[in-house]
Amino acid sequence: MANKAIMVSAATIPNDASGLGKLMGEMLGIADYVAWGGLIFAGASWMFNNRTVAIERGVGVTAGYLIIRKSWAYVQFLKGV
């Protein structure tokens, strides 16, 4: 048996090959990078002893990221109802 590496992108949207699906996939991919940047910035704030601001930014970035990622799932669910 040959071992095959399977790469899974966080921005893949299954069951939607329309133009909007592709656009949303790209936008969600950009949101992934923005969220990583925000979390790295929050970590740098924590590292430079500004913990209160770091916690606020970390929580804000995480909440915003979850809202963005789940919004497309909600749209897909409502389309199927």
N, C-alpha and C. Protein backbone atom coordinates (compact mmCIF):
# COMPACT_ATOMS: atom_id res chain seq x y z
N MET A 1 0.83 -1.18 0.00
CA MET A 1 0.00 0.00 0.00
C MET A 1 0.87 1.24 0.00
N ALA A 2 0.54 2.15 -0.83
CA ALA A 2 1.28 3.40 -0.88
C ALA A 2 0.60 4.42 0.02
N ASN A 3 1.41 5.12 0.78
CA ASN A 3 0.86 6.18 1.62
C ASN A 3 0.65 7.42 0.78
N LYS A 4 -0.54 7.97 0.88
CA LYS A 4 -0.86 9.18 0.10
C LYS A 4 -1.18 10.29 1.08
N ALA A 5 -0.57 11.42 0.87
CA ALA A 5 -0.85 12.58 1.70
C ALA A 5 -2.10 13.27 1.18
N ILE A 6 -3.00 13.55 2.06
CA ILE A 6 -4.23 14.23 1.70
C ILE A 6 -4.18 15.62 2.30
N MET A 7 -4.21 16.62 1.44
CA MET A 7 -4.19 18.00 1.91
C MET A 7 -5.62 18.50 1.97
N VAL A 8 -5.99 19.02 3.10
CA VAL A 8 -7.33 19.56 3.28
C VAL A 8 -7.19 21.04 3.55
N SER A 9 -7.80 21.83 2.73
CA SER A 9 -7.77 23.27 2.91
C SER A 9 -8.96 23.70 3.76
N ALA A 10 -8.73 24.67 4.63
CA ALA A 10 -9.81 25.16 5.47
C ALA A 10 -10.84 25.92 4.65
N ALA A 11 -10.48 26.31 3.44
CA ALA A 11 -11.39 27.14 2.64
C ALA A 11 -12.18 26.33 1.62
N THR A 12 -12.11 25.01 1.67
CA THR A 12 -12.87 24.23 0.70
C THR A 12 -14.34 24.21 1.07
N ILE A 13 -15.17 24.32 0.06
CA ILE A 13 -16.62 24.31 0.28
C ILE A 13 -17.17 23.16 -0.56
N PRO A 14 -17.58 22.08 0.08
CA PRO A 14 -18.09 20.96 -0.70
C PRO A 14 -19.48 21.22 -1.25
N ASN A 15 -19.82 20.52 -2.30
CA ASN A 15 -21.17 20.51 -2.89
C ASN A 15 -21.61 21.87 -3.43
N ASP A 16 -20.69 22.72 -3.80
CA ASP A 16 -21.09 23.99 -4.39
C ASP A 16 -20.04 24.41 -5.41
N ALA A 17 -20.30 24.16 -6.68
CA ALA A 17 -19.36 24.47 -7.73
C ALA A 17 -19.74 25.75 -8.47
N SER A 18 -20.68 26.52 -7.91
CA SER A 18 -21.11 27.74 -8.57
C SER A 18 -20.06 28.83 -8.41
N GLY A 19 -20.26 29.92 -9.10
CA GLY A 19 -19.35 31.05 -8.99
C GLY A 19 -19.32 31.63 -7.59
N LEU A 20 -20.49 31.68 -6.95
CA LEU A 20 -20.54 32.20 -5.59
C LEU A 20 -19.79 31.29 -4.63
N GLY A 21 -19.89 30.00 -4.83
CA GLY A 21 -19.17 29.05 -3.99
C GLY A 21 -17.67 29.22 -4.09
N LYS A 22 -17.19 29.42 -5.32
CA LYS A 22 -15.76 29.63 -5.52
C LYS A 22 -15.31 30.95 -4.89
N LEU A 23 -16.12 31.98 -5.06
CA LEU A 23 -15.80 33.27 -4.47
C LEU A 23 -15.76 33.19 -2.96
N MET A 24 -16.74 32.52 -2.37
CA MET A 24 -16.77 32.38 -0.92
C MET A 24 -15.59 31.56 -0.43
N GLY A 25 -15.20 30.56 -1.20
CA GLY A 25 -14.02 29.77 -0.83
C GLY A 25 -12.77 30.62 -0.76
N GLU A 26 -12.62 31.50 -1.75
CA GLU A 26 -11.46 32.39 -1.75
C GLU A 26 -11.53 33.39 -0.59
N MET A 27 -12.71 33.91 -0.34
CA MET A 27 -12.86 34.89 0.74
C MET A 27 -12.62 34.24 2.11
N LEU A 28 -13.07 32.99 2.27
CA LEU A 28 -12.82 32.29 3.52
C LEU A 28 -11.34 31.98 3.68
N GLY A 29 -10.66 31.71 2.59
CA GLY A 29 -9.21 31.51 2.64
C GLY A 29 -8.49 32.77 3.08
N ILE A 30 -8.94 33.91 2.60
CA ILE A 30 -8.36 35.18 3.03
C ILE A 30 -8.65 35.43 4.50
N ALA A 31 -9.87 35.09 4.94
CA ALA A 31 -10.23 35.25 6.35
C ALA A 31 -9.34 34.38 7.23
N ASP A 32 -8.93 33.21 6.74
CA ASP A 32 -8.02 32.35 7.51
C ASP A 32 -6.71 33.07 7.77
N TYR A 33 -6.15 33.68 6.73
CA TYR A 33 -4.87 34.37 6.88
C TYR A 33 -4.99 35.61 7.77
N VAL A 34 -6.09 36.33 7.64
CA VAL A 34 -6.30 37.52 8.48
C VAL A 34 -6.42 37.10 9.95
N ALA A 35 -7.12 36.00 10.20
CA ALA A 35 -7.27 35.52 11.58
C ALA A 35 -5.92 35.09 12.14
N TRP A 36 -5.13 34.40 11.35
CA TRP A 36 -3.80 34.01 11.82
C TRP A 36 -2.97 35.24 12.15
N GLY A 37 -3.03 36.25 11.30
CA GLY A 37 -2.28 37.48 11.56
C GLY A 37 -2.75 38.16 12.84
N GLY A 38 -4.06 38.20 13.06
CA GLY A 38 -4.58 38.80 14.28
C GLY A 38 -4.15 38.05 15.52
N LEU A 39 -4.14 36.72 15.44
CA LEU A 39 -3.71 35.93 16.59
C LEU A 39 -2.21 36.07 16.85
N ILE A 40 -1.43 36.19 15.79
CA ILE A 40 0.00 36.41 15.97
C ILE A 40 0.23 37.78 16.60
N PHE A 41 -0.52 38.78 16.17
CA PHE A 41 -0.39 40.12 16.75
C PHE A 41 -0.79 40.12 18.22
N ALA A 42 -1.86 39.38 18.57
CA ALA A 42 -2.27 39.26 19.97
C ALA A 42 -1.18 38.56 20.78
N GLY A 43 -0.58 37.54 20.21
CA GLY A 43 0.52 36.85 20.90
C GLY A 43 1.72 37.75 21.11
N ALA A 44 2.01 38.59 20.13
CA ALA A 44 3.12 39.53 20.29
C ALA A 44 2.80 40.55 21.38
N SER A 45 1.56 40.98 21.46
CA SER A 45 1.16 41.91 22.52
C SER A 45 1.33 41.25 23.89
N TRP A 46 0.96 39.99 23.98
CA TRP A 46 1.12 39.25 25.23
C TRP A 46 2.61 39.14 25.59
N MET A 47 3.43 38.87 24.57
CA MET A 47 4.85 38.70 24.79
C MET A 47 5.50 39.98 25.30
N PHE A 48 5.00 41.13 24.86
CA PHE A 48 5.56 42.41 25.30
C PHE A 48 4.82 42.97 26.52
N ASN A 49 4.21 42.08 27.30
CA ASN A 49 3.63 42.38 28.60
C ASN A 49 2.45 43.35 28.53
N ASN A 50 1.63 43.22 27.51
CA ASN A 50 0.40 43.99 27.41
C ASN A 50 -0.75 42.98 27.37
N ARG A 51 -0.90 42.24 28.47
CA ARG A 51 -1.78 41.09 28.51
C ARG A 51 -3.25 41.44 28.34
N THR A 52 -3.70 42.53 28.91
CA THR A 52 -5.11 42.89 28.82
C THR A 52 -5.53 43.11 27.37
N VAL A 53 -4.73 43.87 26.65
CA VAL A 53 -5.03 44.14 25.24
C VAL A 53 -4.91 42.85 24.43
N ALA A 54 -3.94 42.01 24.76
CA ALA A 54 -3.74 40.75 24.02
C ALA A 54 -4.94 39.83 24.18
N ILE A 55 -5.48 39.75 25.39
CA ILE A 55 -6.64 38.89 25.61
C ILE A 55 -7.85 39.44 24.85
N GLU A 56 -8.05 40.75 24.89
CA GLU A 56 -9.17 41.36 24.17
C GLU A 56 -9.07 41.10 22.68
N ARG A 57 -7.88 41.28 22.12
CA ARG A 57 -7.69 41.06 20.69
C ARG A 57 -7.85 39.59 20.33
N GLY A 58 -7.30 38.70 21.15
CA GLY A 58 -7.41 37.27 20.89
C GLY A 58 -8.85 36.80 20.90
N VAL A 59 -9.61 37.24 21.88
CA VAL A 59 -11.02 36.86 21.95
C VAL A 59 -11.79 37.45 20.78
N GLY A 60 -11.51 38.70 20.44
CA GLY A 60 -12.20 39.34 19.31
C GLY A 60 -11.91 38.66 17.99
N VAL A 61 -10.65 38.33 17.76
CA VAL A 61 -10.28 37.65 16.51
C VAL A 61 -10.93 36.28 16.44
N THR A 62 -10.91 35.56 17.54
CA THR A 62 -11.50 34.22 17.55
C THR A 62 -13.00 34.27 17.30
N ALA A 63 -13.69 35.19 17.97
CA ALA A 63 -15.14 35.32 17.79
C ALA A 63 -15.47 35.72 16.35
N GLY A 64 -14.76 36.68 15.81
CA GLY A 64 -15.00 37.11 14.44
C GLY A 64 -14.74 36.01 13.44
N TYR A 65 -13.69 35.25 13.66
CA TYR A 65 -13.35 34.15 12.76
C TYR A 65 -14.44 33.08 12.77
N LEU A 66 -14.92 32.73 13.96
CA LEU A 66 -15.98 31.73 14.04
C LEU A 66 -17.27 32.20 13.38
N ILE A 67 -17.60 33.47 13.53
CA ILE A 67 -18.79 34.01 12.88
C ILE A 67 -18.65 33.95 11.37
N ILE A 68 -17.49 34.32 10.86
CA ILE A 68 -17.27 34.30 9.41
C ILE A 68 -17.34 32.88 8.87
N ARG A 69 -16.68 31.94 9.55
CA ARG A 69 -16.65 30.56 9.06
C ARG A 69 -18.03 29.90 9.11
N LYS A 70 -18.79 30.16 10.15
CA LYS A 70 -20.08 29.51 10.30
C LYS A 70 -21.17 30.16 9.46
N SER A 71 -20.99 31.40 9.04
CA SER A 71 -22.03 32.06 8.27
C SER A 71 -22.30 31.32 6.96
N TRP A 72 -21.26 30.85 6.29
CA TRP A 72 -21.45 30.13 5.04
C TRP A 72 -22.13 28.80 5.30
N ALA A 73 -21.81 28.15 6.41
CA ALA A 73 -22.48 26.89 6.75
C ALA A 73 -23.97 27.12 6.99
N TYR A 74 -24.31 28.23 7.62
CA TYR A 74 -25.72 28.54 7.84
C TYR A 74 -26.45 28.79 6.53
N VAL A 75 -25.80 29.48 5.60
CA VAL A 75 -26.41 29.73 4.30
C VAL A 75 -26.66 28.41 3.58
N GLN A 76 -25.67 27.52 3.60
CA GLN A 76 -25.83 26.23 2.94
C GLN A 76 -26.93 25.40 3.59
N PHE A 77 -27.05 25.46 4.90
CA PHE A 77 -28.11 24.74 5.58
C PHE A 77 -29.48 25.27 5.18
N LEU A 78 -29.62 26.58 5.15
CA LEU A 78 -30.90 27.17 4.80
C LEU A 78 -31.28 26.92 3.34
N LYS A 79 -30.28 26.83 2.47
CA LYS A 79 -30.56 26.49 1.07
C LYS A 79 -31.12 25.08 0.96
N GLY A 80 -30.70 24.19 1.84
CA GLY A 80 -31.15 22.81 1.78
C GLY A 80 -32.50 22.57 2.42
N VAL A 81 -33.00 23.55 3.15
CA VAL A 81 -34.30 23.36 3.84
C VAL A 81 -35.45 23.61 2.92
